[in-house]
Amino acid sequence: MTTRVLSEERVAALADDAATAPSLHNAQPWHFRYVQHSRAFDVRADLDRVLPHTDPDNRALHLGCGAAVLNLRVAVAHAGWYPATRLLPDPGDPALLATVRLTGLGSGESDLGALYPAVHRRHTSRYPFAETDIPGTVRSALSDAARREGATLDFPTAWHLKWVLELVEEGETRSRTDRGQAADLARWTRTDVTAGGATGEGVPEYAFGPRKRGGKAPVRDFAGTGQVPGRDAATFEASPHLALLSTSGDRPEDWLRAGQAMERVLLLATREGLSSAPATQALEWPDLRWTLRDPVFGTGYVQMVLRLGYGPRGTATPRRPLAEVLDIEP
């Protein structure tokens, strides 16, 4: 096996790719450490970036970090390496969520590497989507992508879709009147950031999307109970396409796998011309989360609700400077 040392510029590029991952309220709760002599990344949870009221058990934190791990694997595979990955490698250090070691030059996972063009194109879109159906072949491919990461992706229809939409709306209603969640939202929304390569964190005003005037699509209003001057209003889909991502277990390792599956689905969706947005409102309330699953056929634990469709691409949201999220050691 080659012992070639990666330049700091190359390491930084890989970490930059990883850090494009989505996270709850764009908190970006990750930190990367690259060790040159072992040619491995440690992916750690940044526990200063938790959402104590919206995500009290840090489940969403693990999903976001899992998405960053998947992006890192994609970038490593694209560079021609094999990303040997271990989740929760040290039981005595639960904040160490994963290690990704670069091995086998030239033996990268080609199916992962093929997703690389979508890494910087995938952005959450909070705009109305077309009523156009998603072809069965695309749905099957997305479900297969989740399955390859140890998760299940289902597309609810008929009464189950109606039930999920009602639960998400209930979660949104509760969030508007919950003081703790309002505090989390206030911490992670930005009204002083403009588009165009800004660094930072949180959801900026320009990425809120229009205020929902009608339609059934589940859309979080990042303005909360406030008003944004000049913000447009729009009618969203009457028949939105949702996907439920589930795992058989509900422990930190399952959450990390779900995050990887979510990002693999989102990257493939982006490559297939779909836009996407999470709809996590019901997941933030334990009683609502449990009832998201299909009571007749559903098994496992719902980890994410995704809204998919053909519509405007989302706008890139700020990312923290690499100096804040990456350490390189000999």
Protein backbone atom coordinates (compact mmCIF):
# COMPACT_ATOMS: atom_id res chain seq x y z
CA MET A 1 0.00 0.00 0.00
CA THR A 2 1.30 3.42 -0.89
CA THR A 3 2.36 5.78 1.88
CA ARG A 4 1.99 8.90 -0.23
CA VAL A 5 1.31 11.96 1.95
CA LEU A 6 -1.55 14.20 0.88
CA SER A 7 -0.84 17.90 0.61
CA GLU A 8 -2.62 20.19 3.05
CA GLU A 9 -4.44 21.72 0.09
CA ARG A 10 -5.80 18.30 -0.91
CA VAL A 11 -6.85 17.51 2.65
CA ALA A 12 -8.59 20.89 2.88
CA ALA A 13 -10.44 20.22 -0.37
CA LEU A 14 -11.75 16.90 0.95
CA ALA A 15 -12.92 18.53 4.19
CA ASP A 16 -14.55 21.32 2.20
CA ASP A 17 -16.49 18.70 0.22
CA ALA A 18 -17.58 16.97 3.43
CA ALA A 19 -18.75 20.23 4.99
CA THR A 20 -21.33 20.90 2.26
CA ALA A 21 -23.59 18.38 4.04
CA PRO A 22 -27.01 19.46 5.30
CA SER A 23 -27.69 19.77 9.02
CA LEU A 24 -30.59 20.85 11.19
CA HIS A 25 -30.86 24.66 10.96
CA ASN A 26 -27.46 24.58 9.18
CA ALA A 27 -25.71 24.31 12.55
CA GLN A 28 -22.85 22.32 10.95
CA PRO A 29 -22.13 20.31 14.12
CA TRP A 30 -18.95 18.60 12.93
CA HIS A 31 -15.20 18.87 13.25
CA PHE A 32 -12.58 17.06 11.15
CA ARG A 33 -9.10 16.02 12.19
CA TYR A 34 -6.76 14.60 9.57
CA VAL A 35 -3.69 12.64 10.68
CA GLN A 36 -1.03 12.50 7.96
CA HIS A 37 0.89 9.44 9.15
CA SER A 38 -2.25 7.25 9.24
CA ARG A 39 -3.91 9.03 6.31
CA ALA A 40 -7.22 9.11 8.18
CA PHE A 41 -9.95 11.59 9.03
CA ASP A 42 -11.62 11.66 12.43
CA VAL A 43 -15.14 13.07 12.27
CA ARG A 44 -16.18 14.45 15.64
CA ALA A 45 -19.40 15.96 16.96
CA ASP A 46 -19.09 19.64 17.85
CA LEU A 47 -21.18 19.68 21.00
CA ASP A 48 -21.10 23.48 21.18
CA ARG A 49 -23.51 23.47 18.23
CA VAL A 50 -26.41 21.47 19.64
CA LEU A 51 -30.06 22.52 19.51
CA PRO A 52 -31.15 21.69 23.06
CA HIS A 53 -34.89 22.12 22.56
CA THR A 54 -35.33 20.99 18.96
CA ASP A 55 -32.86 18.09 19.16
CA PRO A 56 -32.50 17.18 22.86
CA ASP A 57 -31.05 13.69 22.27
CA ASN A 58 -28.69 14.85 19.48
CA ARG A 59 -30.31 12.52 16.96
CA ALA A 60 -30.38 15.20 14.26
CA LEU A 61 -26.78 16.11 15.11
CA HIS A 62 -25.78 12.53 14.29
CA LEU A 63 -27.76 12.65 11.04
CA GLY A 64 -25.96 15.81 9.95
CA CYS A 65 -22.57 14.37 10.83
CA GLY A 66 -23.50 11.14 9.04
CA ALA A 67 -24.27 13.19 5.93
CA ALA A 68 -20.83 14.80 6.23
CA VAL A 69 -19.25 11.32 6.48
CA LEU A 70 -21.03 10.28 3.28
CA ASN A 71 -19.81 13.40 1.48
CA LEU A 72 -16.29 12.65 2.66
CA ARG A 73 -16.55 9.08 1.38
CA VAL A 74 -17.78 10.38 -1.98
CA ALA A 75 -14.92 12.88 -2.23
CA VAL A 76 -12.32 10.27 -1.25
CA ALA A 77 -13.70 7.79 -3.79
CA HIS A 78 -13.75 10.49 -6.47
CA ALA A 79 -10.06 11.13 -5.74
CA GLY A 80 -9.33 7.46 -6.41
CA TRP A 81 -8.96 6.15 -2.86
CA TYR A 82 -11.03 3.63 -0.97
CA PRO A 83 -12.72 5.24 2.09
CA ALA A 84 -12.41 2.60 4.81
CA THR A 85 -15.01 3.82 7.30
CA ARG A 86 -15.72 2.90 10.92
CA LEU A 87 -18.61 4.35 12.89
CA LEU A 88 -18.24 5.06 16.61
CA PRO A 89 -14.78 3.46 16.70
CA ASP A 90 -14.06 4.29 20.36
CA PRO A 91 -16.74 3.38 22.95
CA GLY A 92 -14.95 5.59 25.47
CA ASP A 93 -15.23 8.65 23.23
CA PRO A 94 -18.83 8.97 21.98
CA ALA A 95 -18.07 12.34 20.35
CA LEU A 96 -15.77 10.54 17.90
CA LEU A 97 -18.45 9.60 15.41
CA ALA A 98 -16.41 8.07 12.59
CA THR A 99 -13.00 7.51 11.10
CA VAL A 100 -12.44 7.50 7.35
CA ARG A 101 -9.09 6.09 6.29
CA LEU A 102 -7.78 6.56 2.75
CA THR A 103 -6.60 3.18 1.52
CA GLY A 104 -6.01 1.43 -1.78
CA LEU A 105 -5.07 4.10 -4.28
CA GLY A 106 -7.06 3.41 -7.44
CA SER A 107 -9.62 1.20 -5.73
CA GLY A 108 -12.25 3.85 -4.96
CA GLU A 109 -15.93 2.98 -4.94
CA SER A 110 -16.94 4.06 -8.42
CA ASP A 111 -20.65 4.25 -7.55
CA LEU A 112 -19.90 6.70 -4.75
CA GLY A 113 -17.40 8.67 -6.80
CA ALA A 114 -20.02 9.12 -9.51
CA LEU A 115 -22.09 11.20 -7.08
CA TYR A 116 -19.32 13.76 -6.62
CA PRO A 117 -20.66 16.38 -9.10
CA ALA A 118 -23.77 16.69 -6.91
CA VAL A 119 -21.85 17.42 -3.70
CA HIS A 120 -21.65 21.16 -4.33
CA ARG A 121 -24.90 21.35 -6.31
CA ARG A 122 -27.18 19.92 -3.63
CA HIS A 123 -28.94 22.69 -1.70
CA THR A 124 -32.18 22.70 0.24
CA SER A 125 -34.92 24.26 -1.84
CA ARG A 126 -37.75 25.98 0.03
CA TYR A 127 -39.65 26.88 -3.13
CA PRO A 128 -42.77 25.38 -4.72
CA PHE A 129 -42.19 22.28 -6.83
CA ALA A 130 -44.10 21.19 -9.92
CA GLU A 131 -46.95 18.69 -9.60
CA THR A 132 -45.01 16.39 -11.94
CA ASP A 133 -44.77 12.80 -10.73
CA ILE A 134 -41.39 11.21 -9.97
CA PRO A 135 -40.85 8.23 -12.32
CA GLY A 136 -40.91 4.79 -10.75
CA THR A 137 -37.39 4.10 -11.95
CA VAL A 138 -36.09 7.14 -10.09
CA ARG A 139 -37.97 6.20 -6.92
CA SER A 140 -36.52 2.71 -7.10
CA ALA A 141 -33.01 4.08 -7.55
CA LEU A 142 -33.43 6.38 -4.55
CA SER A 143 -34.73 3.51 -2.43
CA ASP A 144 -31.76 1.39 -3.49
CA ALA A 145 -29.38 4.20 -2.54
CA ALA A 146 -30.82 4.25 1.00
CA ARG A 147 -30.71 0.46 1.22
CA ARG A 148 -27.01 0.42 0.37
CA GLU A 149 -26.39 2.49 3.50
CA GLY A 150 -28.51 0.26 5.74
CA ALA A 151 -31.75 2.26 5.65
CA THR A 152 -35.18 2.04 4.03
CA LEU A 153 -36.77 4.74 1.88
CA ASP A 154 -40.53 4.60 1.36
CA PHE A 155 -42.85 6.91 -0.55
CA PRO A 156 -46.17 7.21 1.33
CA THR A 157 -49.31 7.51 -0.75
CA ALA A 158 -53.06 7.89 -0.27
CA TRP A 159 -54.16 7.93 3.39
CA HIS A 160 -50.61 7.46 4.71
CA LEU A 161 -49.37 10.52 2.82
CA LYS A 162 -52.31 12.52 4.16
CA TRP A 163 -51.48 11.35 7.68
CA VAL A 164 -47.80 12.29 7.37
CA LEU A 165 -48.71 15.75 6.07
CA GLU A 166 -51.03 16.27 9.02
CA LEU A 167 -48.33 15.22 11.48
CA VAL A 168 -45.76 17.57 9.93
CA GLU A 169 -48.25 20.43 10.06
CA GLU A 170 -48.95 19.63 13.71
CA GLY A 171 -45.22 19.71 14.40
CA GLU A 172 -44.91 23.08 12.67
CA THR A 173 -47.82 24.47 14.69
CA ARG A 174 -46.29 23.30 17.96
CA SER A 175 -42.90 24.73 17.04
CA ARG A 176 -44.37 28.18 16.44
CA THR A 177 -45.67 28.35 20.00
CA ASP A 178 -42.86 26.53 21.84
CA ARG A 179 -40.51 28.98 23.54
CA GLY A 180 -37.57 26.57 23.54
CA GLN A 181 -37.80 25.81 19.83
CA ALA A 182 -38.30 29.51 19.12
CA ALA A 183 -35.02 30.17 20.95
CA ASP A 184 -33.24 27.54 18.86
CA LEU A 185 -34.67 29.06 15.68
CA ALA A 186 -33.62 32.56 16.70
CA ARG A 187 -30.06 31.39 17.35
CA TRP A 188 -29.71 29.75 13.95
CA THR A 189 -31.43 32.20 11.61
CA ARG A 190 -29.60 35.12 10.01
CA THR A 191 -30.99 38.36 8.67
CA ASP A 192 -27.64 40.06 8.05
CA VAL A 193 -26.15 37.71 5.44
CA THR A 194 -26.29 38.11 1.68
CA ALA A 195 -25.85 35.43 -0.94
CA GLY A 196 -22.52 35.02 -2.66
CA GLY A 197 -20.02 32.89 -0.83
CA ALA A 198 -20.55 34.18 2.69
CA THR A 199 -19.06 32.15 5.52
CA GLY A 200 -20.84 31.35 8.73
CA GLU A 201 -23.67 29.13 9.88
CA GLY A 202 -27.42 29.07 10.26
CA VAL A 203 -30.18 29.74 7.74
CA PRO A 204 -29.91 33.20 6.16
CA GLU A 205 -32.92 35.25 5.20
CA TYR A 206 -32.25 34.80 1.49
CA ALA A 207 -32.72 31.01 1.91
CA PHE A 208 -36.06 31.19 3.77
CA GLY A 209 -37.99 30.84 0.53
CA PRO A 210 -41.41 32.42 0.02
CA ARG A 211 -44.09 32.41 2.70
CA LYS A 212 -46.61 29.65 2.06
CA ARG A 213 -49.88 31.14 0.84
CA GLY A 214 -51.53 27.82 0.03
CA GLY A 215 -50.92 24.20 -0.89
CA LYS A 216 -50.16 21.10 1.16
CA ALA A 217 -46.39 20.87 0.89
CA PRO A 218 -44.71 20.80 4.32
CA VAL A 219 -42.51 23.89 4.57
CA ARG A 220 -40.84 25.22 7.71
CA ASP A 221 -41.20 28.97 8.04
CA PHE A 222 -37.80 30.14 9.29
CA ALA A 223 -39.25 33.59 9.90
CA GLY A 224 -41.18 32.07 12.80
CA THR A 225 -43.82 34.49 14.01
CA GLY A 226 -41.90 37.45 12.63
CA GLN A 227 -42.19 39.30 9.36
CA VAL A 228 -39.53 39.66 6.67
CA PRO A 229 -39.97 42.91 4.71
CA GLY A 230 -40.32 42.32 0.98
CA ARG A 231 -40.66 38.56 1.29
CA ASP A 232 -42.77 36.97 -1.43
CA ALA A 233 -45.64 34.55 -0.88
CA ALA A 234 -46.38 31.54 -3.06
CA THR A 235 -48.73 28.60 -3.47
CA PHE A 236 -47.00 25.27 -2.97
CA GLU A 237 -47.84 21.79 -4.27
CA ALA A 238 -51.31 20.39 -3.73
CA SER A 239 -49.92 16.86 -4.01
CA PRO A 240 -46.36 16.90 -2.65
CA HIS A 241 -43.97 13.96 -2.97
CA LEU A 242 -42.59 12.84 0.38
CA ALA A 243 -40.17 10.08 1.29
CA LEU A 244 -39.70 8.50 4.72
CA LEU A 245 -36.21 7.30 5.62
CA SER A 246 -36.18 4.62 8.33
CA THR A 247 -33.74 2.36 10.14
CA SER A 248 -34.31 -0.88 12.05
CA GLY A 249 -32.73 0.54 15.22
CA ASP A 250 -32.72 3.89 16.96
CA ARG A 251 -29.27 4.28 18.49
CA PRO A 252 -26.43 6.66 17.62
CA GLU A 253 -24.97 4.22 15.09
CA ASP A 254 -28.38 3.96 13.39
CA TRP A 255 -28.60 7.75 13.27
CA LEU A 256 -25.19 7.95 11.62
CA ARG A 257 -26.21 5.34 9.06
CA ALA A 258 -29.42 7.24 8.43
CA GLY A 259 -27.44 10.43 7.83
CA GLN A 260 -25.29 8.68 5.27
CA ALA A 261 -28.34 7.16 3.61
CA MET A 262 -30.09 10.54 3.55
CA GLU A 263 -27.16 12.23 1.86
CA ARG A 264 -26.69 9.41 -0.64
CA VAL A 265 -30.38 9.77 -1.56
CA LEU A 266 -30.10 13.55 -1.81
CA LEU A 267 -27.00 13.45 -3.99
CA LEU A 268 -28.60 10.94 -6.34
CA ALA A 269 -31.81 13.00 -6.40
CA THR A 270 -29.77 16.06 -7.33
CA ARG A 271 -28.05 14.14 -10.11
CA GLU A 272 -31.47 13.05 -11.38
CA GLY A 273 -32.69 16.65 -11.60
CA LEU A 274 -34.78 16.66 -8.42
CA SER A 275 -34.86 19.39 -5.82
CA SER A 276 -35.25 18.53 -2.16
CA ALA A 277 -35.96 19.83 1.32
CA PRO A 278 -36.20 18.16 4.73
CA ALA A 279 -39.51 18.26 6.58
CA THR A 280 -38.40 17.47 10.12
CA GLN A 281 -41.09 19.22 12.16
CA ALA A 282 -42.88 16.03 13.26
CA LEU A 283 -39.57 14.31 14.01
CA GLU A 284 -38.86 16.90 16.68
CA TRP A 285 -41.76 15.70 18.85
CA PRO A 286 -41.44 12.09 20.12
CA ASP A 287 -45.18 11.37 20.08
CA LEU A 288 -45.49 12.59 16.48
CA ARG A 289 -42.32 10.88 15.28
CA TRP A 290 -43.50 7.45 16.36
CA THR A 291 -46.79 7.76 14.48
CA LEU A 292 -45.13 8.77 11.18
CA ARG A 293 -44.52 5.13 10.36
CA ASP A 294 -47.11 3.17 8.42
CA PRO A 295 -49.20 1.53 11.17
CA VAL A 296 -50.06 -1.40 8.90
CA PHE A 297 -46.77 -2.23 7.19
CA GLY A 298 -44.25 0.12 8.78
CA THR A 299 -41.31 -1.24 10.71
CA GLY A 300 -38.33 0.45 12.25
CA TYR A 301 -37.87 4.09 13.17
CA VAL A 302 -38.45 7.08 10.90
CA GLN A 303 -35.30 9.21 10.90
CA MET A 304 -36.07 11.75 8.16
CA VAL A 305 -38.92 13.07 6.06
CA LEU A 306 -37.83 14.41 2.69
CA ARG A 307 -39.82 16.53 0.27
CA LEU A 308 -38.76 15.85 -3.32
CA GLY A 309 -39.82 17.26 -6.64
CA TYR A 310 -38.98 19.12 -9.80
CA GLY A 311 -38.49 22.78 -9.05
CA PRO A 312 -36.03 25.59 -8.44
CA ARG A 313 -32.65 24.69 -7.05
CA GLY A 314 -31.99 25.92 -3.56
CA THR A 315 -29.47 28.61 -2.81
CA ALA A 316 -26.14 27.78 -1.17
CA THR A 317 -26.11 28.62 2.52
CA PRO A 318 -23.02 29.87 4.38
CA ARG A 319 -20.35 27.45 5.53
CA ARG A 320 -17.95 27.89 8.41
CA PRO A 321 -14.34 28.72 7.50
CA LEU A 322 -12.25 25.58 7.15
CA ALA A 323 -9.89 26.83 9.85
CA GLU A 324 -12.77 26.35 12.31
CA VAL A 325 -13.66 22.81 11.29
CA LEU A 326 -10.37 21.18 10.24
CA ASP A 327 -7.18 20.31 12.05
CA ILE A 328 -4.25 18.62 10.28
CA GLU A 329 -1.70 16.68 12.31
CA PRO A 330 1.54 14.96 11.28
